[in-house]
PDB file of N, CA and C in Angstrom:
ATOM      1  N   UNK A   1      67.289 132.167 134.150  1.00  0.00           N
ATOM      2  CA  UNK A   1      66.676 133.430 134.450  1.00  0.00           C
ATOM      3  C   UNK A   1      67.525 134.181 135.461  1.00  0.00           C
ATOM      4  N   UNK A   2      67.723 135.428 135.210  1.00  0.00           N
ATOM      5  CA  UNK A   2      68.497 136.249 136.111  1.00  0.00           C
ATOM      6  C   UNK A   2      67.554 137.157 136.895  1.00  0.00           C
ATOM      7  N   UNK A   3      68.021 137.558 138.044  1.00  0.00           N
ATOM      8  CA  UNK A   3      67.205 138.408 138.892  1.00  0.00           C
ATOM      9  C   UNK A   3      67.743 139.836 138.844  1.00  0.00           C
ATOM     10  N   UNK A   4      66.905 140.755 138.508  1.00  0.00           N
ATOM     11  CA  UNK A   4      67.278 142.168 138.485  1.00  0.00           C
ATOM     12  C   UNK A   4      66.367 142.895 139.459  1.00  0.00           C
ATOM     13  N   UNK A   5      66.960 143.385 140.535  1.00  0.00           N
ATOM     14  CA  UNK A   5      66.163 144.070 141.551  1.00  0.00           C
ATOM     15  C   UNK A   5      65.248 143.078 142.248  1.00  0.00           C
ATOM     16  N   UNK A   6      63.956 143.342 142.239  1.00  0.00           N
ATOM     17  CA  UNK A   6      63.006 142.442 142.875  1.00  0.00           C
ATOM     18  C   UNK A   6      62.256 141.594 141.858  1.00  0.00           C
ATOM     19  N   UNK A   7      62.554 141.771 140.572  1.00  0.00           N
ATOM     20  CA  UNK A   7      61.858 141.020 139.526  1.00  0.00           C
ATOM     21  C   UNK A   7      62.818 140.059 138.838  1.00  0.00           C
ATOM     22  N   UNK A   8      62.257 139.000 138.269  1.00  0.00           N
ATOM     23  CA  UNK A   8      63.051 138.053 137.504  1.00  0.00           C
ATOM     24  C   UNK A   8      63.132 138.527 136.063  1.00  0.00           C
ATOM     25  N   UNK A   9      64.311 138.386 135.471  1.00  0.00           N
ATOM     26  CA  UNK A   9      64.542 138.783 134.089  1.00  0.00           C
ATOM     27  C   UNK A   9      64.265 137.591 133.183  1.00  0.00           C
ATOM     28  N   UNK A  10      63.305 137.732 132.293  1.00  0.00           N
ATOM     29  CA  UNK A  10      62.977 136.676 131.345  1.00  0.00           C
ATOM     30  C   UNK A  10      63.825 136.865 130.095  1.00  0.00           C
ATOM     31  N   UNK A  11      64.391 135.787 129.557  1.00  0.00           N
ATOM     32  CA  UNK A  11      65.220 135.916 128.357  1.00  0.00           C
ATOM     33  C   UNK A  11      64.395 136.353 127.151  1.00  0.00           C
ATOM     34  N   UNK A  12      64.986 137.193 126.322  1.00  0.00           N
ATOM     35  CA  UNK A  12      64.323 137.672 125.113  1.00  0.00           C
ATOM     36  C   UNK A  12      64.918 136.997 123.891  1.00  0.00           C
ATOM     37  N   UNK A  13      64.080 136.786 122.897  1.00  0.00           N
ATOM     38  CA  UNK A  13      64.531 136.204 121.649  1.00  0.00           C
ATOM     39  C   UNK A  13      63.706 136.755 120.502  1.00  0.00           C
ATOM     40  N   UNK A  14      64.068 136.395 119.281  1.00  0.00           N
ATOM     41  CA  UNK A  14      63.370 136.859 118.092  1.00  0.00           C
ATOM     42  C   UNK A  14      62.466 135.750 117.579  1.00  0.00           C
ATOM     43  N   UNK A  15      61.179 136.055 117.451  1.00  0.00           N
ATOM     44  CA  UNK A  15      60.228 135.089 116.889  1.00  0.00           C
ATOM     45  C   UNK A  15      60.189 135.290 115.379  1.00  0.00           C
ATOM     46  N   UNK A  16      60.491 134.251 114.639  1.00  0.00           N
ATOM     47  CA  UNK A  16      60.543 134.341 113.180  1.00  0.00           C
ATOM     48  C   UNK A  16      59.141 134.461 112.597  1.00  0.00           C
ATOM     49  N   UNK A  17      58.180 133.824 113.236  1.00  0.00           N
ATOM     50  CA  UNK A  17      56.812 133.859 112.717  1.00  0.00           C
ATOM     51  C   UNK A  17      56.160 135.234 112.957  1.00  0.00           C
ATOM     52  N   UNK A  18      56.312 135.789 114.154  1.00  0.00           N
ATOM     53  CA  UNK A  18      55.741 137.104 114.482  1.00  0.00           C
ATOM     54  C   UNK A  18      56.600 138.256 113.951  1.00  0.00           C
ATOM     55  N   UNK A  19      57.859 137.976 113.657  1.00  0.00           N
ATOM     56  CA  UNK A  19      58.834 138.972 113.205  1.00  0.00           C
ATOM     57  C   UNK A  19      58.995 140.094 114.224  1.00  0.00           C
ATOM     58  N   UNK A  20      59.148 139.681 115.497  1.00  0.00           N
ATOM     59  CA  UNK A  20      59.313 140.654 116.577  1.00  0.00           C
ATOM     60  C   UNK A  20      60.129 140.038 117.700  1.00  0.00           C
ATOM     61  N   UNK A  21      60.737 140.907 118.515  1.00  0.00           N
ATOM     62  CA  UNK A  21      61.503 140.464 119.668  1.00  0.00           C
ATOM     63  C   UNK A  21      60.544 140.334 120.853  1.00  0.00           C
ATOM     64  N   UNK A  22      60.538 139.152 121.485  1.00  0.00           N
ATOM     65  CA  UNK A  22      59.611 138.892 122.585  1.00  0.00           C
ATOM     66  C   UNK A  22      60.292 138.081 123.673  1.00  0.00           C
ATOM     67  N   UNK A  23      59.657 138.043 124.846  1.00  0.00           N
ATOM     68  CA  UNK A  23      60.170 137.227 125.942  1.00  0.00           C
ATOM     69  C   UNK A  23      59.898 135.758 125.643  1.00  0.00           C
ATOM     70  N   UNK A  24      60.832 134.901 126.026  1.00  0.00           N
ATOM     71  CA  UNK A  24      60.695 133.469 125.795  1.00  0.00           C
ATOM     72  C   UNK A  24      59.974 132.847 126.987  1.00  0.00           C
ATOM     73  N   UNK A  25      58.878 132.140 126.718  1.00  0.00           N
ATOM     74  CA  UNK A  25      58.109 131.466 127.772  1.00  0.00           C
ATOM     75  C   UNK A  25      58.592 130.018 127.886  1.00  0.00           C
ATOM     76  N   UNK A  26      58.539 129.465 129.087  1.00  0.00           N
ATOM     77  CA  UNK A  26      58.992 128.093 129.372  1.00  0.00           C
ATOM     78  C   UNK A  26      60.443 127.901 128.938  1.00  0.00           C
ATOM     79  N   UNK A  27      61.278 128.881 129.229  1.00  0.00           N
ATOM     80  CA  UNK A  27      62.677 128.845 128.809  1.00  0.00           C
ATOM     81  C   UNK A  27      63.453 127.788 129.584  1.00  0.00           C
ATOM     82  N   UNK A  28      64.268 127.042 128.854  1.00  0.00           N
ATOM     83  CA  UNK A  28      65.126 126.028 129.454  1.00  0.00           C
ATOM     84  C   UNK A  28      66.511 126.154 128.829  1.00  0.00           C
ATOM     85  N   UNK A  29      67.534 126.174 129.684  1.00  0.00           N
ATOM     86  CA  UNK A  29      68.900 126.287 129.185  1.00  0.00           C
ATOM     87  C   UNK A  29      69.387 124.919 128.728  1.00  0.00           C
ATOM     88  N   UNK A  30      69.982 124.883 127.552  1.00  0.00           N
ATOM     89  CA  UNK A  30      70.491 123.639 126.968  1.00  0.00           C
ATOM     90  C   UNK A  30      71.939 123.828 126.559  1.00  0.00           C
ATOM     91  N   UNK A  31      72.616 122.712 126.323  1.00  0.00           N
ATOM     92  CA  UNK A  31      73.971 122.732 125.783  1.00  0.00           C
ATOM     93  C   UNK A  31      73.923 122.075 124.408  1.00  0.00           C
ATOM     94  N   UNK A  32      74.414 122.798 123.408  1.00  0.00           N
ATOM     95  CA  UNK A  32      74.405 122.265 122.045  1.00  0.00           C
ATOM     96  C   UNK A  32      75.538 121.255 121.864  1.00  0.00           C
ATOM     97  N   UNK A  33      75.567 120.583 120.723  1.00  0.00           N
ATOM     98  CA  UNK A  33      76.586 119.572 120.443  1.00  0.00           C
ATOM     99  C   UNK A  33      78.001 120.133 120.475  1.00  0.00           C
ATOM    100  N   UNK A  34      78.160 121.387 120.063  1.00  0.00           N
ATOM    101  CA  UNK A  34      79.497 121.982 120.025  1.00  0.00           C
ATOM    102  C   UNK A  34      79.918 122.551 121.384  1.00  0.00           C
ATOM    103  N   UNK A  35      79.082 122.403 122.420  1.00  0.00           N
ATOM    104  CA  UNK A  35      79.438 122.826 123.761  1.00  0.00           C
ATOM    105  C   UNK A  35      78.962 124.214 124.146  1.00  0.00           C
ATOM    106  N   UNK A  36      78.292 124.911 123.249  1.00  0.00           N
ATOM    107  CA  UNK A  36      77.804 126.256 123.569  1.00  0.00           C
ATOM    108  C   UNK A  36      76.462 126.182 124.282  1.00  0.00           C
ATOM    109  N   UNK A  37      76.184 127.199 125.088  1.00  0.00           N
ATOM    110  CA  UNK A  37      74.922 127.270 125.810  1.00  0.00           C
ATOM    111  C   UNK A  37      73.858 127.923 124.942  1.00  0.00           C
ATOM    112  N   UNK A  38      72.592 127.528 125.154  1.00  0.00           N
ATOM    113  CA  UNK A  38      71.476 128.106 124.422  1.00  0.00           C
ATOM    114  C   UNK A  38      70.228 128.053 125.294  1.00  0.00           C
ATOM    115  N   UNK A  39      69.242 128.871 124.942  1.00  0.00           N
ATOM    116  CA  UNK A  39      67.956 128.860 125.625  1.00  0.00           C
ATOM    117  C   UNK A  39      66.892 128.484 124.606  1.00  0.00           C
ATOM    118  N   UNK A  40      66.013 127.568 124.999  1.00  0.00           N
ATOM    119  CA  UNK A  40      64.947 127.105 124.120  1.00  0.00           C
ATOM    120  C   UNK A  40      63.625 127.273 124.858  1.00  0.00           C
ATOM    121  N   UNK A  41      62.626 127.809 124.151  1.00  0.00           N
ATOM    122  CA  UNK A  41      61.323 128.017 124.762  1.00  0.00           C
ATOM    123  C   UNK A  41      60.275 128.287 123.695  1.00  0.00           C
ATOM    124  N   UNK A  42      59.170 128.939 124.101  1.00  0.00           N
ATOM    125  CA  UNK A  42      58.066 129.207 123.180  1.00  0.00           C
ATOM    126  C   UNK A  42      57.745 130.693 123.130  1.00  0.00           C
ATOM    127  N   UNK A  43      57.176 131.111 122.008  1.00  0.00           N
ATOM    128  CA  UNK A  43      56.713 132.477 121.822  1.00  0.00           C
ATOM    129  C   UNK A  43      55.386 132.643 122.584  1.00  0.00           C
ATOM    130  N   UNK A  44      55.206 133.748 123.320  1.00  0.00           N
ATOM    131  CA  UNK A  44      53.967 133.925 124.083  1.00  0.00           C
ATOM    132  C   UNK A  44      52.742 134.181 123.201  1.00  0.00           C
ATOM    133  N   UNK A  45      52.935 134.674 121.982  1.00  0.00           N
ATOM    134  CA  UNK A  45      51.822 135.007 121.101  1.00  0.00           C
ATOM    135  C   UNK A  45      51.375 133.828 120.242  1.00  0.00           C
ATOM    136  N   UNK A  46      52.319 133.236 119.507  1.00  0.00           N
ATOM    137  CA  UNK A  46      51.938 132.211 118.524  1.00  0.00           C
ATOM    138  C   UNK A  46      52.322 130.788 118.944  1.00  0.00           C
ATOM    139  N   UNK A  47      53.182 130.634 119.942  1.00  0.00           N
ATOM    140  CA  UNK A  47      53.546 129.293 120.414  1.00  0.00           C
ATOM    141  C   UNK A  47      54.665 128.639 119.625  1.00  0.00           C
ATOM    142  N   UNK A  48      55.275 129.365 118.692  1.00  0.00           N
ATOM    143  CA  UNK A  48      56.381 128.829 117.912  1.00  0.00           C
ATOM    144  C   UNK A  48      57.606 128.641 118.800  1.00  0.00           C
ATOM    145  N   UNK A  49      58.410 127.625 118.504  1.00  0.00           N
ATOM    146  CA  UNK A  49      59.622 127.377 119.273  1.00  0.00           C
ATOM    147  C   UNK A  49      60.629 128.481 118.990  1.00  0.00           C
ATOM    148  N   UNK A  50      61.181 129.067 120.072  1.00  0.00           N
ATOM    149  CA  UNK A  50      62.203 130.103 119.959  1.00  0.00           C
ATOM    150  C   UNK A  50      63.502 129.543 120.504  1.00  0.00           C
ATOM    151  N   UNK A  51      64.616 129.926 119.890  1.00  0.00           N
ATOM    152  CA  UNK A  51      65.924 129.405 120.250  1.00  0.00           C
ATOM    153  C   UNK A  51      66.914 130.559 120.246  1.00  0.00           C
ATOM    154  N   UNK A  52      67.651 130.725 121.342  1.00  0.00           N
ATOM    155  CA  UNK A  52      68.631 131.811 121.426  1.00  0.00           C
ATOM    156  C   UNK A  52      69.964 131.242 121.875  1.00  0.00           C
ATOM    157  N   UNK A  53      71.007 131.511 121.092  1.00  0.00           N
ATOM    158  CA  UNK A  53      72.353 131.049 121.426  1.00  0.00           C
ATOM    159  C   UNK A  53      72.984 132.068 122.365  1.00  0.00           C
ATOM    160  N   UNK A  54      73.538 131.584 123.470  1.00  0.00           N
ATOM    161  CA  UNK A  54      74.175 132.447 124.464  1.00  0.00           C
ATOM    162  C   UNK A  54      75.673 132.485 124.238  1.00  0.00           C
ATOM    163  N   UNK A  55      76.334 133.457 124.827  1.00  0.00           N
ATOM    164  CA  UNK A  55      77.776 133.592 124.694  1.00  0.00           C
ATOM    165  C   UNK A  55      78.519 132.624 125.587  1.00  0.00           C
ATOM    166  N   UNK A  56      79.681 132.231 125.180  1.00  0.00           N
ATOM    167  CA  UNK A  56      80.534 131.369 126.000  1.00  0.00           C
ATOM    168  C   UNK A  56      80.241 129.899 125.806  1.00  0.00           C
ATOM    169  N   UNK A  57      81.191 129.090 126.237  1.00  0.00           N
ATOM    170  CA  UNK A  57      81.033 127.642 126.145  1.00  0.00           C
ATOM    171  C   UNK A  57      80.740 127.070 127.515  1.00  0.00           C
ATOM    172  N   UNK A  58      79.991 125.996 127.540  1.00  0.00           N
ATOM    173  CA  UNK A  58      79.697 125.304 128.792  1.00  0.00           C
ATOM    174  C   UNK A  58      80.897 124.439 129.138  1.00  0.00           C
ATOM    175  N   UNK A  59      81.394 124.544 130.360  1.00  0.00           N
ATOM    176  CA  UNK A  59      82.549 123.757 130.783  1.00  0.00           C
ATOM    177  C   UNK A  59      82.184 122.938 132.015  1.00  0.00           C
ATOM    178  N   UNK A  60      81.862 121.673 131.832  1.00  0.00           N
ATOM    179  CA  UNK A  60      81.585 120.840 132.991  1.00  0.00           C
ATOM    180  C   UNK A  60      82.847 120.648 133.819  1.00  0.00           C
ATOM    181  N   UNK A  61      82.778 120.892 135.116  1.00  0.00           N
ATOM    182  CA  UNK A  61      83.946 120.850 135.997  1.00  0.00           C
ATOM    183  C   UNK A  61      84.551 119.458 136.087  1.00  0.00           C
ATOM    184  N   UNK A  62      83.732 118.431 136.143  1.00  0.00           N
ATOM    185  CA  UNK A  62      84.235 117.062 136.290  1.00  0.00           C
ATOM    186  C   UNK A  62      84.979 116.599 135.033  1.00  0.00           C
ATOM    187  N   UNK A  63      84.472 116.953 133.863  1.00  0.00           N
ATOM    188  CA  UNK A  63      85.097 116.511 132.619  1.00  0.00           C
ATOM    189  C   UNK A  63      86.441 117.200 132.400  1.00  0.00           C
ATOM    190  N   UNK A  64      86.543 118.464 132.731  1.00  0.00           N
ATOM    191  CA  UNK A  64      87.806 119.164 132.509  1.00  0.00           C
ATOM    192  C   UNK A  64      88.874 118.707 133.495  1.00  0.00           C
ATOM    193  N   UNK A  65      88.490 118.327 134.700  1.00  0.00           N
ATOM    194  CA  UNK A  65      89.450 117.864 135.695  1.00  0.00           C
ATOM    195  C   UNK A  65      90.061 116.515 135.282  1.00  0.00           C
ATOM    196  N   UNK A  66      89.253 115.658 134.684  1.00  0.00           N
ATOM    197  CA  UNK A  66      89.739 114.343 134.261  1.00  0.00           C
ATOM    198  C   UNK A  66      90.680 114.451 133.062  1.00  0.00           C
ATOM    199  N   UNK A  67      90.396 115.345 132.140  1.00  0.00           N
ATOM    200  CA  UNK A  67      91.209 115.442 130.929  1.00  0.00           C
ATOM    201  C   UNK A  67      92.525 116.162 131.174  1.00  0.00           C
ATOM    202  N   UNK A  68      92.616 116.982 132.217  1.00  0.00           N
ATOM    203  CA  UNK A  68      93.839 117.731 132.478  1.00  0.00           C
ATOM    204  C   UNK A  68      94.839 116.962 133.326  1.00  0.00           C
ATOM    205  N   UNK A  69      94.430 115.848 133.911  1.00  0.00           N
ATOM    206  CA  UNK A  69      95.369 115.064 134.712  1.00  0.00           C
ATOM    207  C   UNK A  69      96.413 114.429 133.806  1.00  0.00           C
ATOM    208  N   UNK A  70      97.651 114.512 134.217  1.00  0.00           N
ATOM    209  CA  UNK A  70      98.746 113.923 133.445  1.00  0.00           C
ATOM    210  C   UNK A  70      98.823 112.435 133.764  1.00  0.00           C
ATOM    211  N   UNK A  71      98.905 111.636 132.738  1.00  0.00           N
ATOM    212  CA  UNK A  71      99.022 110.201 132.938  1.00  0.00           C
ATOM    213  C   UNK A  71     100.509 109.831 132.949  1.00  0.00           C
ATOM    214  N   UNK A  72     100.900 108.901 133.828  1.00  0.00           N
ATOM    215  CA  UNK A  72     102.317 108.520 133.877  1.00  0.00           C
ATOM    216  C   UNK A  72     102.762 107.854 132.580  1.00  0.00           C
ATOM    217  N   UNK A  73     103.995 108.098 132.206  1.00  0.00           N
ATOM    218  CA  UNK A  73     104.543 107.529 130.980  1.00  0.00           C
ATOM    219  C   UNK A  73     104.808 106.042 131.189  1.00  0.00           C
ATOM    220  N   UNK A  74     104.476 105.264 130.195  1.00  0.00           N
ATOM    221  CA  UNK A  74     104.686 103.809 130.278  1.00  0.00           C
ATOM    222  C   UNK A  74     106.090 103.484 129.802  1.00  0.00           C
ATOM    223  N   UNK A  75     106.750 102.657 130.566  1.00  0.00           N
ATOM    224  CA  UNK A  75     108.085 102.216 130.166  1.00  0.00           C
ATOM    225  C   UNK A  75     108.031 100.725 129.866  1.00  0.00           C
ATOM    226  N   UNK A  76     108.696 100.359 128.836  1.00  0.00           N
ATOM    227  CA  UNK A  76     108.710  98.940 128.467  1.00  0.00           C
ATOM    228  C   UNK A  76     110.107  98.380 128.727  1.00  0.00           C
ATOM    229  N   UNK A  77     110.164  97.297 129.435  1.00  0.00           N
ATOM    230  CA  UNK A  77     111.448  96.641 129.728  1.00  0.00           C
ATOM    231  C   UNK A  77     111.681  95.570 128.681  1.00  0.00           C
ATOM    232  N   UNK A  78     112.864  95.569 128.084  1.00  0.00           N
ATOM    233  CA  UNK A  78     113.188  94.559 127.069  1.00  0.00           C
ATOM    234  C   UNK A  78     114.265  93.642 127.522  1.00  0.00           C
TER     235      UNK A  78
END
């Protein structure tokens, strides 16, 4: 949730059952299998699960630091 002015901004999504754009209740940010961010919650009218894919990929700082470290080359003595 983002803050705009003195109010909190609730994420909006499209409810397939109501066929309308509505605010997502009980919104929780998740990371999908492919690494993209998404918001999952419920429709305030009918209670159907709403899902909205967000822009950008999630980049965990610890994982990227470990993968970018150069490993020393192994030498074999014969």
